[in-house]
Protein backbone atom coordinates (compact mmCIF):
# COMPACT_ATOMS: atom_id res chain seq x y z
CA UNK A 1 -47.85 -25.79 63.64
CA UNK A 2 -51.35 -27.23 64.05
CA UNK A 3 -54.49 -25.37 63.45
CA UNK A 4 -58.04 -26.27 64.58
CA UNK A 5 -60.89 -24.26 63.17
CA UNK A 6 -64.54 -23.61 64.17
CA UNK A 7 -66.96 -25.02 61.70
CA UNK A 8 -70.74 -25.42 61.83
CA UNK A 9 -72.64 -28.73 61.77
CA UNK A 10 -75.14 -28.72 59.02
CA UNK A 11 -76.18 -32.37 59.15
CA UNK A 12 -75.74 -35.26 61.59
CA UNK A 13 -74.83 -38.55 59.81
CA UNK A 14 -74.53 -42.17 60.79
CA UNK A 15 -71.47 -43.73 62.59
CA UNK A 16 -70.62 -40.62 64.68
CA UNK A 17 -70.05 -38.49 61.50
CA UNK A 18 -71.38 -34.96 60.63
CA UNK A 19 -71.38 -32.82 57.62
CA UNK A 20 -69.97 -29.41 58.38
CA UNK A 21 -69.66 -26.07 56.56
CA UNK A 22 -66.94 -23.49 56.68
CA UNK A 23 -67.18 -20.46 54.35
CA UNK A 24 -69.33 -22.57 52.07
CA UNK A 25 -67.00 -25.59 51.93
CA UNK A 26 -68.66 -28.66 53.17
CA UNK A 27 -66.76 -31.54 54.71
CA UNK A 28 -67.54 -34.76 56.63
CA UNK A 29 -65.92 -34.90 60.10
CA UNK A 30 -65.83 -37.45 62.86
CA UNK A 31 -67.70 -36.75 66.09
CA UNK A 32 -66.14 -39.76 67.89
CA UNK A 33 -63.75 -37.66 70.12
CA UNK A 34 -66.56 -35.36 71.42
CA UNK A 35 -67.46 -35.68 75.12
CA UNK A 36 -70.67 -33.59 74.73
CA UNK A 37 -73.85 -34.00 72.64
CA UNK A 38 -74.07 -31.72 69.57
CA UNK A 39 -76.95 -30.97 67.17
CA UNK A 40 -77.32 -29.41 63.73
CA UNK A 41 -76.44 -25.77 63.88
CA UNK A 42 -73.83 -26.16 66.57
CA UNK A 43 -70.20 -25.16 66.10
CA UNK A 44 -67.34 -27.44 66.73
CA UNK A 45 -63.61 -27.05 66.76
CA UNK A 46 -62.19 -29.30 64.03
CA UNK A 47 -58.60 -30.61 63.54
CA UNK A 48 -57.66 -33.12 60.83
CA UNK A 49 -61.18 -34.34 60.33
CA UNK A 50 -62.14 -34.74 63.99
CA UNK A 51 -64.40 -32.48 66.01
CA UNK A 52 -62.55 -31.87 69.28
CA UNK A 53 -65.03 -29.83 71.28
CA UNK A 54 -68.36 -27.93 70.99
CA UNK A 55 -67.98 -24.04 70.82
CA UNK A 56 -70.69 -21.55 71.57
CA UNK A 57 -71.84 -19.58 68.51
CA UNK A 58 -70.60 -16.17 69.78
CA UNK A 59 -67.06 -17.52 70.30
CA UNK A 60 -67.10 -19.35 66.91
CA UNK A 61 -68.16 -16.26 65.01
CA UNK A 62 -65.52 -14.08 66.83
CA UNK A 63 -62.84 -16.62 65.82
CA UNK A 64 -64.06 -16.81 62.24
CA UNK A 65 -64.03 -13.05 62.10
CA UNK A 66 -60.30 -12.99 63.34
CA UNK A 67 -59.42 -15.51 60.54
CA UNK A 68 -61.06 -13.16 57.94
CA UNK A 69 -59.16 -10.26 59.20
CA UNK A 70 -55.85 -12.16 58.90
CA UNK A 71 -56.75 -13.21 55.39
CA UNK A 72 -57.65 -9.73 54.41
CA UNK A 73 -54.28 -8.41 55.77
CA UNK A 74 -52.43 -11.11 53.90
CA UNK A 75 -54.32 -10.40 50.65
CA UNK A 76 -53.31 -6.62 50.70
CA UNK A 77 -49.62 -7.03 51.46
């Protein structure tokens, strides 16, 4: 099973790369596969180090909240 997660761009880098943050974990990802322009503060869907698409902030936060709920349920079982 593959999982792509929303993450926020915190800094645009050279060579179609960006620094992203998810729950305080920072990671460099490639923007080479994106069709649309992105800027710092935007959310993108990331899979295996590649941003696949831009996601609006409301949808990103909803998805991240669902992931947190799943983690909380898993922790208490």
